């Protein structure tokens, strides 16, 4: 009888789930909303997990829940995994066995198939993580949008809006971000940003979405936006350097993860220019959600032998396609 396992990458904006069997064949994938319980709430997280699982099982033509699920979730890092999160993951997935870690860890595991290396993530939030050949794991950042997240989409968007109001006051030069912000938030005047953020409580996901226009303006040479982007790249570069210094590598290998890097090759290159020359930027071996699936297998005693890895690699392309990277 076929054994079914699932992996989940639960980010602050989107949740992705894959299901597959014990031979490493991925059979289905599904999507949901935010899985960060700190911002979406326990009920919102549970709904996103359930939606992604149902969609993945439907695509795979399966009716039974997976035997085990490994979930990498935003928001569960330094503060640990609350009991309510643990119970919600079990209820949403229907799995008898559940394993929970951070979304950064499943990205790291997938990027190097469990081997040594480093990642830096610039998505809604930011974090850098690494593991060396001795198995020592280190994380830098991941403190959330109030205490950290430098270099993230949220931080880029927030600094972009702050630049707009400072330009409005005259403490910064005129910037094309002003017009972009008025259009993006559907307002007529800069003063209306007070209503948007203080009365209507515009959320961090919306600010993260505005980061796209900050990066585009910087690419076109807007000096205010360029200053924001360079500051973000400096912060990410510093995270990587501190991470590298705390681990033991021959030549450190680094994977760039997250929507900001995926959305702009120019931003990727801007960061690479600031990295130490001994750091080699490489492509990930597997996607974060596939990393979660691999961890589900290994956590249940299934060895990731070459044949299993080959099955995972081949089926990942067909199940996730180009959108999986």
C-alpha atoms as a PDB file:
ATOM      1  CA  UNK A   1       0.000   0.000   0.000  1.00  0.00           C
ATOM      2  CA  UNK A   2       1.355   3.403  -1.022  1.00  0.00           C
ATOM      3  CA  UNK A   3       2.523   5.620   1.831  1.00  0.00           C
ATOM      4  CA  UNK A   4       1.789   9.332   1.435  1.00  0.00           C
ATOM      5  CA  UNK A   5       3.792  12.217   2.866  1.00  0.00           C
ATOM      6  CA  UNK A   6       3.530  15.974   2.548  1.00  0.00           C
ATOM      7  CA  UNK A   7       5.744  19.027   2.822  1.00  0.00           C
ATOM      8  CA  UNK A   8       4.535  22.557   3.466  1.00  0.00           C
ATOM      9  CA  UNK A   9       6.243  25.893   3.007  1.00  0.00           C
ATOM     10  CA  UNK A  10       4.118  28.354   4.947  1.00  0.00           C
ATOM     11  CA  UNK A  11       5.225  31.910   4.310  1.00  0.00           C
ATOM     12  CA  UNK A  12       3.912  35.272   5.431  1.00  0.00           C
ATOM     13  CA  UNK A  13       2.161  35.783   2.082  1.00  0.00           C
ATOM     14  CA  UNK A  14       1.599  32.354   0.528  1.00  0.00           C
ATOM     15  CA  UNK A  15       1.449  28.704   1.581  1.00  0.00           C
ATOM     16  CA  UNK A  16       2.564  25.881  -0.734  1.00  0.00           C
ATOM     17  CA  UNK A  17       1.944  22.192  -0.080  1.00  0.00           C
ATOM     18  CA  UNK A  18       3.165  19.117  -1.954  1.00  0.00           C
ATOM     19  CA  UNK A  19       2.190  15.492  -1.457  1.00  0.00           C
ATOM     20  CA  UNK A  20       4.119  12.450  -2.623  1.00  0.00           C
ATOM     21  CA  UNK A  21       4.913   8.832  -1.881  1.00  0.00           C
ATOM     22  CA  UNK A  22       7.719   6.988  -0.112  1.00  0.00           C
ATOM     23  CA  UNK A  23       9.694   6.553  -3.360  1.00  0.00           C
ATOM     24  CA  UNK A  24      10.075  10.334  -3.663  1.00  0.00           C
ATOM     25  CA  UNK A  25       7.508  10.835  -6.426  1.00  0.00           C
ATOM     26  CA  UNK A  26       5.685  14.132  -5.963  1.00  0.00           C
ATOM     27  CA  UNK A  27       2.037  13.708  -6.922  1.00  0.00           C
ATOM     28  CA  UNK A  28       0.280  16.997  -6.279  1.00  0.00           C
ATOM     29  CA  UNK A  29       0.623  20.570  -5.076  1.00  0.00           C
ATOM     30  CA  UNK A  30      -1.697  23.206  -3.684  1.00  0.00           C
ATOM     31  CA  UNK A  31      -1.677  26.780  -2.459  1.00  0.00           C
ATOM     32  CA  UNK A  32      -3.180  28.828   0.348  1.00  0.00           C
ATOM     33  CA  UNK A  33      -2.822  32.234   1.978  1.00  0.00           C
ATOM     34  CA  UNK A  34      -0.528  33.328   4.794  1.00  0.00           C
ATOM     35  CA  UNK A  35       0.624  30.753   7.352  1.00  0.00           C
ATOM     36  CA  UNK A  36       2.250  33.208   9.746  1.00  0.00           C
ATOM     37  CA  UNK A  37       0.084  32.872  12.838  1.00  0.00           C
ATOM     38  CA  UNK A  38       1.529  36.104  14.256  1.00  0.00           C
ATOM     39  CA  UNK A  39      -0.108  38.130  11.484  1.00  0.00           C
ATOM     40  CA  UNK A  40      -2.839  35.862  10.046  1.00  0.00           C
ATOM     41  CA  UNK A  41      -3.926  34.478  13.426  1.00  0.00           C
ATOM     42  CA  UNK A  42      -4.320  30.824  14.330  1.00  0.00           C
ATOM     43  CA  UNK A  43      -7.589  30.492  12.395  1.00  0.00           C
ATOM     44  CA  UNK A  44      -6.134  32.176   9.308  1.00  0.00           C
ATOM     45  CA  UNK A  45      -3.055  29.956   9.423  1.00  0.00           C
ATOM     46  CA  UNK A  46      -5.183  26.833   9.809  1.00  0.00           C
ATOM     47  CA  UNK A  47      -7.377  27.837   6.858  1.00  0.00           C
ATOM     48  CA  UNK A  48      -4.349  28.432   4.631  1.00  0.00           C
ATOM     49  CA  UNK A  49      -2.828  25.066   5.555  1.00  0.00           C
ATOM     50  CA  UNK A  50      -6.102  23.241   4.969  1.00  0.00           C
ATOM     51  CA  UNK A  51      -6.667  24.949   1.599  1.00  0.00           C
ATOM     52  CA  UNK A  52      -3.190  24.067   0.360  1.00  0.00           C
ATOM     53  CA  UNK A  53      -3.477  20.457   1.553  1.00  0.00           C
ATOM     54  CA  UNK A  54      -6.901  19.921  -0.005  1.00  0.00           C
ATOM     55  CA  UNK A  55      -5.695  21.315  -3.327  1.00  0.00           C
ATOM     56  CA  UNK A  56      -2.572  19.134  -3.307  1.00  0.00           C
ATOM     57  CA  UNK A  57      -4.552  15.967  -2.521  1.00  0.00           C
ATOM     58  CA  UNK A  58      -7.103  16.847  -5.213  1.00  0.00           C
ATOM     59  CA  UNK A  59      -4.385  17.284  -7.839  1.00  0.00           C
ATOM     60  CA  UNK A  60      -2.866  13.953  -6.794  1.00  0.00           C
ATOM     61  CA  UNK A  61      -6.226  12.196  -6.945  1.00  0.00           C
ATOM     62  CA  UNK A  62      -5.936  11.163  -3.299  1.00  0.00           C
ATOM     63  CA  UNK A  63      -8.608  11.095  -0.622  1.00  0.00           C
ATOM     64  CA  UNK A  64      -6.663  10.020   2.457  1.00  0.00           C
ATOM     65  CA  UNK A  65      -4.544  12.395   4.493  1.00  0.00           C
ATOM     66  CA  UNK A  66      -0.764  12.023   4.447  1.00  0.00           C
ATOM     67  CA  UNK A  67       0.861   9.756   6.986  1.00  0.00           C
ATOM     68  CA  UNK A  68       3.201  12.584   7.997  1.00  0.00           C
ATOM     69  CA  UNK A  69       3.598  16.291   7.260  1.00  0.00           C
ATOM     70  CA  UNK A  70       6.675  18.467   7.672  1.00  0.00           C
ATOM     71  CA  UNK A  71       5.692  22.123   7.846  1.00  0.00           C
ATOM     72  CA  UNK A  72       8.131  25.011   7.590  1.00  0.00           C
ATOM     73  CA  UNK A  73       6.203  28.000   8.933  1.00  0.00           C
ATOM     74  CA  UNK A  74       6.931  31.703   9.167  1.00  0.00           C
ATOM     75  CA  UNK A  75       6.706  33.056  12.704  1.00  0.00           C
ATOM     76  CA  UNK A  76       7.759  29.951  14.632  1.00  0.00           C
ATOM     77  CA  UNK A  77      11.487  30.609  14.829  1.00  0.00           C
ATOM     78  CA  UNK A  78      13.014  32.161  17.919  1.00  0.00           C
ATOM     79  CA  UNK A  79       9.782  31.997  19.932  1.00  0.00           C
ATOM     80  CA  UNK A  80       9.291  28.245  19.477  1.00  0.00           C
ATOM     81  CA  UNK A  81       6.135  26.417  18.371  1.00  0.00           C
ATOM     82  CA  UNK A  82       3.031  27.259  20.429  1.00  0.00           C
ATOM     83  CA  UNK A  83       0.700  24.384  21.304  1.00  0.00           C
ATOM     84  CA  UNK A  84      -2.102  26.043  19.332  1.00  0.00           C
ATOM     85  CA  UNK A  85       0.055  26.002  16.188  1.00  0.00           C
ATOM     86  CA  UNK A  86       0.960  22.356  16.713  1.00  0.00           C
ATOM     87  CA  UNK A  87      -2.690  21.345  17.118  1.00  0.00           C
ATOM     88  CA  UNK A  88      -3.816  23.460  14.163  1.00  0.00           C
ATOM     89  CA  UNK A  89      -1.249  21.903  11.823  1.00  0.00           C
ATOM     90  CA  UNK A  90      -2.428  18.444  12.855  1.00  0.00           C
ATOM     91  CA  UNK A  91      -6.084  19.352  12.343  1.00  0.00           C
ATOM     92  CA  UNK A  92      -5.523  21.128   9.021  1.00  0.00           C
ATOM     93  CA  UNK A  93      -3.421  18.362   7.470  1.00  0.00           C
ATOM     94  CA  UNK A  94      -5.056  15.301   9.025  1.00  0.00           C
ATOM     95  CA  UNK A  95      -1.614  13.722   9.427  1.00  0.00           C
ATOM     96  CA  UNK A  96      -0.862  11.366  12.310  1.00  0.00           C
ATOM     97  CA  UNK A  97       2.706  12.672  12.498  1.00  0.00           C
ATOM     98  CA  UNK A  98       3.634  16.320  12.163  1.00  0.00           C
ATOM     99  CA  UNK A  99       6.996  18.050  12.267  1.00  0.00           C
ATOM    100  CA  UNK A 100       7.270  21.834  12.471  1.00  0.00           C
ATOM    101  CA  UNK A 101      10.223  24.099  11.817  1.00  0.00           C
ATOM    102  CA  UNK A 102      10.770  27.516  10.259  1.00  0.00           C
ATOM    103  CA  UNK A 103      10.122  28.307   6.603  1.00  0.00           C
ATOM    104  CA  UNK A 104      13.769  29.337   6.414  1.00  0.00           C
ATOM    105  CA  UNK A 105      14.961  25.903   7.492  1.00  0.00           C
ATOM    106  CA  UNK A 106      13.013  24.026   4.791  1.00  0.00           C
ATOM    107  CA  UNK A 107      14.429  26.475   2.231  1.00  0.00           C
ATOM    108  CA  UNK A 108      17.946  25.785   3.486  1.00  0.00           C
ATOM    109  CA  UNK A 109      17.424  22.024   3.456  1.00  0.00           C
ATOM    110  CA  UNK A 110      15.999  22.060  -0.058  1.00  0.00           C
ATOM    111  CA  UNK A 111      18.664  24.397  -1.410  1.00  0.00           C
ATOM    112  CA  UNK A 112      21.484  21.983  -0.563  1.00  0.00           C
ATOM    113  CA  UNK A 113      19.559  18.696  -0.163  1.00  0.00           C
ATOM    114  CA  UNK A 114      20.525  18.669   3.497  1.00  0.00           C
ATOM    115  CA  UNK A 115      24.187  19.398   2.809  1.00  0.00           C
ATOM    116  CA  UNK A 116      26.334  22.366   3.895  1.00  0.00           C
ATOM    117  CA  UNK A 117      25.622  25.841   2.589  1.00  0.00           C
ATOM    118  CA  UNK A 118      23.922  29.145   3.301  1.00  0.00           C
ATOM    119  CA  UNK A 119      20.758  30.928   2.224  1.00  0.00           C
ATOM    120  CA  UNK A 120      19.615  34.510   2.529  1.00  0.00           C
ATOM    121  CA  UNK A 121      15.893  35.128   2.173  1.00  0.00           C
ATOM    122  CA  UNK A 122      14.332  38.375   1.025  1.00  0.00           C
ATOM    123  CA  UNK A 123      10.618  37.729   0.915  1.00  0.00           C
ATOM    124  CA  UNK A 124       7.944  39.435   2.987  1.00  0.00           C
ATOM    125  CA  UNK A 125      10.542  39.118   5.773  1.00  0.00           C
ATOM    126  CA  UNK A 126      14.268  38.421   5.764  1.00  0.00           C
ATOM    127  CA  UNK A 127      16.574  35.861   7.341  1.00  0.00           C
ATOM    128  CA  UNK A 128      19.922  34.184   6.690  1.00  0.00           C
ATOM    129  CA  UNK A 129      20.575  30.578   7.672  1.00  0.00           C
ATOM    130  CA  UNK A 130      23.393  28.121   7.189  1.00  0.00           C
ATOM    131  CA  UNK A 131      24.769  24.731   8.114  1.00  0.00           C
ATOM    132  CA  UNK A 132      28.364  23.575   7.797  1.00  0.00           C
ATOM    133  CA  UNK A 133      29.868  20.124   7.238  1.00  0.00           C
ATOM    134  CA  UNK A 134      29.911  19.435  10.984  1.00  0.00           C
ATOM    135  CA  UNK A 135      26.137  19.929  11.098  1.00  0.00           C
ATOM    136  CA  UNK A 136      26.312  23.184  13.015  1.00  0.00           C
ATOM    137  CA  UNK A 137      23.324  25.419  12.209  1.00  0.00           C
ATOM    138  CA  UNK A 138      23.245  29.211  12.562  1.00  0.00           C
ATOM    139  CA  UNK A 139      20.557  31.758  11.790  1.00  0.00           C
ATOM    140  CA  UNK A 140      20.875  35.523  11.485  1.00  0.00           C
ATOM    141  CA  UNK A 141      17.799  37.740  11.483  1.00  0.00           C
ATOM    142  CA  UNK A 142      14.253  36.438  11.433  1.00  0.00           C
ATOM    143  CA  UNK A 143      13.208  38.894  14.164  1.00  0.00           C
ATOM    144  CA  UNK A 144      10.008  39.997  12.427  1.00  0.00           C
ATOM    145  CA  UNK A 145       8.908  43.253  10.874  1.00  0.00           C
ATOM    146  CA  UNK A 146       9.095  45.383  14.042  1.00  0.00           C
ATOM    147  CA  UNK A 147      12.479  44.239  15.345  1.00  0.00           C
ATOM    148  CA  UNK A 148      14.186  43.308  12.090  1.00  0.00           C
ATOM    149  CA  UNK A 149      13.438  42.200   8.498  1.00  0.00           C
ATOM    150  CA  UNK A 150      16.050  44.540   7.031  1.00  0.00           C
ATOM    151  CA  UNK A 151      16.390  43.968   3.290  1.00  0.00           C
ATOM    152  CA  UNK A 152      12.962  42.348   3.023  1.00  0.00           C
ATOM    153  CA  UNK A 153      10.077  43.291   0.748  1.00  0.00           C
ATOM    154  CA  UNK A 154       8.280  44.752   3.769  1.00  0.00           C
ATOM    155  CA  UNK A 155      11.262  46.889   4.719  1.00  0.00           C
ATOM    156  CA  UNK A 156      11.777  48.074   1.142  1.00  0.00           C
ATOM    157  CA  UNK A 157       8.090  49.005   0.886  1.00  0.00           C
ATOM    158  CA  UNK A 158       8.051  50.747   4.264  1.00  0.00           C
ATOM    159  CA  UNK A 159      11.169  52.769   3.478  1.00  0.00           C
ATOM    160  CA  UNK A 160       9.648  53.632   0.113  1.00  0.00           C
ATOM    161  CA  UNK A 161       6.524  55.094   1.730  1.00  0.00           C
ATOM    162  CA  UNK A 162       8.610  56.864   4.372  1.00  0.00           C
ATOM    163  CA  UNK A 163      10.648  58.426   1.573  1.00  0.00           C
ATOM    164  CA  UNK A 164       7.431  59.701  -0.006  1.00  0.00           C
ATOM    165  CA  UNK A 165       6.380  61.596   3.125  1.00  0.00           C
ATOM    166  CA  UNK A 166       9.905  62.919   3.672  1.00  0.00           C
ATOM    167  CA  UNK A 167       9.982  64.126   0.075  1.00  0.00           C
ATOM    168  CA  UNK A 168       6.591  65.717   0.648  1.00  0.00           C
ATOM    169  CA  UNK A 169       8.075  67.605   3.617  1.00  0.00           C
ATOM    170  CA  UNK A 170      11.108  68.624   1.583  1.00  0.00           C
ATOM    171  CA  UNK A 171      13.696  66.702   3.617  1.00  0.00           C
ATOM    172  CA  UNK A 172      14.324  64.397   0.649  1.00  0.00           C
ATOM    173  CA  UNK A 173      14.462  65.257  -3.071  1.00  0.00           C
ATOM    174  CA  UNK A 174      11.474  64.702  -5.329  1.00  0.00           C
ATOM    175  CA  UNK A 175      11.059  61.035  -6.246  1.00  0.00           C
ATOM    176  CA  UNK A 176       8.947  59.031  -8.641  1.00  0.00           C
ATOM    177  CA  UNK A 177       7.915  56.958  -5.618  1.00  0.00           C
ATOM    178  CA  UNK A 178       5.423  59.706  -4.774  1.00  0.00           C
ATOM    179  CA  UNK A 179       3.350  59.092  -7.891  1.00  0.00           C
ATOM    180  CA  UNK A 180       3.725  55.319  -7.516  1.00  0.00           C
ATOM    181  CA  UNK A 181       2.478  55.461  -3.920  1.00  0.00           C
ATOM    182  CA  UNK A 182      -0.533  57.615  -4.808  1.00  0.00           C
ATOM    183  CA  UNK A 183      -1.502  55.149  -7.539  1.00  0.00           C
ATOM    184  CA  UNK A 184      -0.739  52.039  -5.507  1.00  0.00           C
ATOM    185  CA  UNK A 185      -2.742  53.086  -2.454  1.00  0.00           C
ATOM    186  CA  UNK A 186      -5.435  54.757  -4.614  1.00  0.00           C
ATOM    187  CA  UNK A 187      -5.205  58.185  -3.034  1.00  0.00           C
ATOM    188  CA  UNK A 188      -5.002  61.734  -4.375  1.00  0.00           C
ATOM    189  CA  UNK A 189      -2.709  63.454  -1.877  1.00  0.00           C
ATOM    190  CA  UNK A 190       0.193  62.482   0.358  1.00  0.00           C
ATOM    191  CA  UNK A 191      -1.743  63.428   3.499  1.00  0.00           C
ATOM    192  CA  UNK A 192      -4.113  60.547   2.821  1.00  0.00           C
ATOM    193  CA  UNK A 193      -1.346  58.122   3.738  1.00  0.00           C
ATOM    194  CA  UNK A 194      -2.167  58.962   7.368  1.00  0.00           C
ATOM    195  CA  UNK A 195      -5.660  57.540   6.880  1.00  0.00           C
ATOM    196  CA  UNK A 196      -4.348  54.523   4.990  1.00  0.00           C
ATOM    197  CA  UNK A 197      -1.888  53.506   7.693  1.00  0.00           C
ATOM    198  CA  UNK A 198      -3.374  54.790  10.940  1.00  0.00           C
ATOM    199  CA  UNK A 199      -7.136  54.581  10.425  1.00  0.00           C
ATOM    200  CA  UNK A 200      -7.478  51.741   7.942  1.00  0.00           C
ATOM    201  CA  UNK A 201      -4.461  49.824   9.249  1.00  0.00           C
ATOM    202  CA  UNK A 202      -2.860  48.855   5.929  1.00  0.00           C
ATOM    203  CA  UNK A 203      -0.986  45.596   6.609  1.00  0.00           C
ATOM    204  CA  UNK A 204       2.565  44.469   6.130  1.00  0.00           C
ATOM    205  CA  UNK A 205       1.702  42.330   3.083  1.00  0.00           C
ATOM    206  CA  UNK A 206       0.516  45.455   1.273  1.00  0.00           C
ATOM    207  CA  UNK A 207       3.726  47.286   2.106  1.00  0.00           C
ATOM    208  CA  UNK A 208       5.701  44.268   0.937  1.00  0.00           C
ATOM    209  CA  UNK A 209       3.851  44.417  -2.384  1.00  0.00           C
ATOM    210  CA  UNK A 210       4.872  48.078  -2.810  1.00  0.00           C
ATOM    211  CA  UNK A 211       8.538  47.010  -2.732  1.00  0.00           C
ATOM    212  CA  UNK A 212       8.242  46.057  -6.403  1.00  0.00           C
ATOM    213  CA  UNK A 213       7.862  49.732  -7.328  1.00  0.00           C
ATOM    214  CA  UNK A 214      10.765  50.769  -5.107  1.00  0.00           C
ATOM    215  CA  UNK A 215      13.076  48.302  -6.864  1.00  0.00           C
ATOM    216  CA  UNK A 216      11.784  49.322 -10.305  1.00  0.00           C
ATOM    217  CA  UNK A 217      12.328  53.014  -9.527  1.00  0.00           C
ATOM    218  CA  UNK A 218      15.857  52.284  -8.341  1.00  0.00           C
ATOM    219  CA  UNK A 219      16.562  50.351 -11.527  1.00  0.00           C
ATOM    220  CA  UNK A 220      15.457  53.384 -13.537  1.00  0.00           C
ATOM    221  CA  UNK A 221      17.890  55.563 -11.603  1.00  0.00           C
ATOM    222  CA  UNK A 222      15.664  57.316  -9.055  1.00  0.00           C
ATOM    223  CA  UNK A 223      18.252  58.372  -6.470  1.00  0.00           C
ATOM    224  CA  UNK A 224      15.910  58.152  -3.475  1.00  0.00           C
ATOM    225  CA  UNK A 225      14.823  54.632  -4.398  1.00  0.00           C
ATOM    226  CA  UNK A 226      18.407  53.663  -5.197  1.00  0.00           C
ATOM    227  CA  UNK A 227      19.471  54.714  -1.712  1.00  0.00           C
ATOM    228  CA  UNK A 228      16.764  52.481  -0.212  1.00  0.00           C
ATOM    229  CA  UNK A 229      17.803  49.493  -2.327  1.00  0.00           C
ATOM    230  CA  UNK A 230      21.490  49.920  -1.581  1.00  0.00           C
ATOM    231  CA  UNK A 231      20.744  50.136   2.145  1.00  0.00           C
ATOM    232  CA  UNK A 232      18.727  46.907   1.870  1.00  0.00           C
ATOM    233  CA  UNK A 233      21.548  45.161   0.010  1.00  0.00           C
ATOM    234  CA  UNK A 234      24.074  46.329   2.586  1.00  0.00           C
ATOM    235  CA  UNK A 235      21.927  44.854   5.360  1.00  0.00           C
ATOM    236  CA  UNK A 236      21.529  41.524   3.550  1.00  0.00           C
ATOM    237  CA  UNK A 237      25.238  41.408   2.745  1.00  0.00           C
ATOM    238  CA  UNK A 238      26.094  42.020   6.402  1.00  0.00           C
ATOM    239  CA  UNK A 239      23.781  39.172   7.463  1.00  0.00           C
ATOM    240  CA  UNK A 240      25.524  36.820   5.045  1.00  0.00           C
ATOM    241  CA  UNK A 241      28.997  37.852   6.185  1.00  0.00           C
ATOM    242  CA  UNK A 242      28.163  37.384   9.879  1.00  0.00           C
ATOM    243  CA  UNK A 243      26.647  33.994   9.062  1.00  0.00           C
ATOM    244  CA  UNK A 244      29.711  32.928   7.083  1.00  0.00           C
ATOM    245  CA  UNK A 245      32.044  34.044   9.881  1.00  0.00           C
ATOM    246  CA  UNK A 246      30.174  31.904  12.413  1.00  0.00           C
ATOM    247  CA  UNK A 247      30.325  28.729  10.318  1.00  0.00           C
ATOM    248  CA  UNK A 248      33.242  26.695   8.978  1.00  0.00           C
ATOM    249  CA  UNK A 249      33.407  26.490   5.195  1.00  0.00           C
ATOM    250  CA  UNK A 250      36.083  26.018   2.582  1.00  0.00           C
ATOM    251  CA  UNK A 251      34.473  28.274   0.018  1.00  0.00           C
ATOM    252  CA  UNK A 252      30.999  29.311   1.242  1.00  0.00           C
ATOM    253  CA  UNK A 253      28.096  28.616  -1.115  1.00  0.00           C
ATOM    254  CA  UNK A 254      25.024  30.836  -0.985  1.00  0.00           C
ATOM    255  CA  UNK A 255      21.504  30.561  -2.410  1.00  0.00           C
ATOM    256  CA  UNK A 256      19.333  33.670  -2.752  1.00  0.00           C
ATOM    257  CA  UNK A 257      15.704  32.912  -1.848  1.00  0.00           C
ATOM    258  CA  UNK A 258      12.456  34.851  -1.762  1.00  0.00           C
ATOM    259  CA  UNK A 259      10.199  36.974  -3.884  1.00  0.00           C
ATOM    260  CA  UNK A 260      12.407  40.068  -4.055  1.00  0.00           C
ATOM    261  CA  UNK A 261      15.246  38.111  -5.665  1.00  0.00           C
ATOM    262  CA  UNK A 262      12.841  36.168  -7.880  1.00  0.00           C
ATOM    263  CA  UNK A 263      11.189  39.361  -9.052  1.00  0.00           C
ATOM    264  CA  UNK A 264      14.312  41.283 -10.038  1.00  0.00           C
ATOM    265  CA  UNK A 265      17.521  39.986 -11.542  1.00  0.00           C
ATOM    266  CA  UNK A 266      18.899  43.498 -11.142  1.00  0.00           C
ATOM    267  CA  UNK A 267      18.309  43.383  -7.368  1.00  0.00           C
ATOM    268  CA  UNK A 268      20.031  39.973  -7.231  1.00  0.00           C
ATOM    269  CA  UNK A 269      23.062  41.356  -9.004  1.00  0.00           C
ATOM    270  CA  UNK A 270      23.064  44.484  -6.837  1.00  0.00           C
ATOM    271  CA  UNK A 271      23.406  42.287  -3.753  1.00  0.00           C
ATOM    272  CA  UNK A 272      25.992  39.973  -5.332  1.00  0.00           C
ATOM    273  CA  UNK A 273      28.201  43.010  -6.025  1.00  0.00           C
ATOM    274  CA  UNK A 274      28.277  43.726  -2.292  1.00  0.00           C
ATOM    275  CA  UNK A 275      29.082  40.186  -1.139  1.00  0.00           C
ATOM    276  CA  UNK A 276      32.579  39.147  -0.122  1.00  0.00           C
ATOM    277  CA  UNK A 277      34.439  37.739  -3.110  1.00  0.00           C
ATOM    278  CA  UNK A 278      34.967  34.311  -1.504  1.00  0.00           C
ATOM    279  CA  UNK A 279      31.203  33.640  -1.387  1.00  0.00           C
ATOM    280  CA  UNK A 280      29.885  31.661  -4.356  1.00  0.00           C
ATOM    281  CA  UNK A 281      26.244  32.272  -5.286  1.00  0.00           C
ATOM    282  CA  UNK A 282      24.669  29.066  -6.614  1.00  0.00           C
ATOM    283  CA  UNK A 283      21.249  27.852  -7.731  1.00  0.00           C
ATOM    284  CA  UNK A 284      19.174  25.787  -5.267  1.00  0.00           C
ATOM    285  CA  UNK A 285      19.054  22.031  -5.743  1.00  0.00           C
ATOM    286  CA  UNK A 286      15.386  21.897  -4.732  1.00  0.00           C
ATOM    287  CA  UNK A 287      12.610  24.337  -3.838  1.00  0.00           C
ATOM    288  CA  UNK A 288      11.740  25.110  -0.203  1.00  0.00           C
ATOM    289  CA  UNK A 289       8.497  23.114  -0.298  1.00  0.00           C
ATOM    290  CA  UNK A 290      10.365  20.147  -1.772  1.00  0.00           C
ATOM    291  CA  UNK A 291      12.852  20.543   1.070  1.00  0.00           C
ATOM    292  CA  UNK A 292       9.923  20.187   3.475  1.00  0.00           C
ATOM    293  CA  UNK A 293       8.804  17.010   1.681  1.00  0.00           C
ATOM    294  CA  UNK A 294      12.324  15.579   1.874  1.00  0.00           C
ATOM    295  CA  UNK A 295      12.372  16.326   5.601  1.00  0.00           C
ATOM    296  CA  UNK A 296       9.024  14.527   6.003  1.00  0.00           C
ATOM    297  CA  UNK A 297      10.548  11.423   4.415  1.00  0.00           C
ATOM    298  CA  UNK A 298      13.777  11.501   6.413  1.00  0.00           C
ATOM    299  CA  UNK A 299      11.920  12.256   9.668  1.00  0.00           C
ATOM    300  CA  UNK A 300       9.998   9.018   9.144  1.00  0.00           C
ATOM    301  CA  UNK A 301      13.116   6.948   8.547  1.00  0.00           C
ATOM    302  CA  UNK A 302      13.079   6.960   4.744  1.00  0.00           C
ATOM    303  CA  UNK A 303      16.615   7.437   3.486  1.00  0.00           C
ATOM    304  CA  UNK A 304      17.196   9.917   0.692  1.00  0.00           C
ATOM    305  CA  UNK A 305      19.196   7.515  -1.433  1.00  0.00           C
ATOM    306  CA  UNK A 306      20.115   8.471  -5.044  1.00  0.00           C
ATOM    307  CA  UNK A 307      17.016   6.764  -6.516  1.00  0.00           C
ATOM    308  CA  UNK A 308      14.682   8.685  -4.191  1.00  0.00           C
ATOM    309  CA  UNK A 309      16.458  11.964  -4.942  1.00  0.00           C
ATOM    310  CA  UNK A 310      16.197  11.253  -8.663  1.00  0.00           C
ATOM    311  CA  UNK A 311      12.454  10.665  -8.339  1.00  0.00           C
ATOM    312  CA  UNK A 312      12.057  13.884  -6.382  1.00  0.00           C
ATOM    313  CA  UNK A 313      14.014  15.863  -8.954  1.00  0.00           C
ATOM    314  CA  UNK A 314      12.089  14.498 -11.931  1.00  0.00           C
ATOM    315  CA  UNK A 315       8.644  14.849 -10.376  1.00  0.00           C
ATOM    316  CA  UNK A 316       9.342  18.314  -8.956  1.00  0.00           C
ATOM    317  CA  UNK A 317       9.571  19.698 -12.472  1.00  0.00           C
ATOM    318  CA  UNK A 318       6.206  18.296 -13.526  1.00  0.00           C
ATOM    319  CA  UNK A 319       4.316  19.024 -10.292  1.00  0.00           C
ATOM    320  CA  UNK A 320       5.699  22.468  -9.482  1.00  0.00           C
ATOM    321  CA  UNK A 321       6.894  23.586 -12.900  1.00  0.00           C
ATOM    322  CA  UNK A 322       8.694  26.893 -13.285  1.00  0.00           C
ATOM    323  CA  UNK A 323       6.387  28.486 -10.698  1.00  0.00           C
ATOM    324  CA  UNK A 324       7.909  26.329  -7.999  1.00  0.00           C
ATOM    325  CA  UNK A 325      11.240  28.118  -8.023  1.00  0.00           C
END
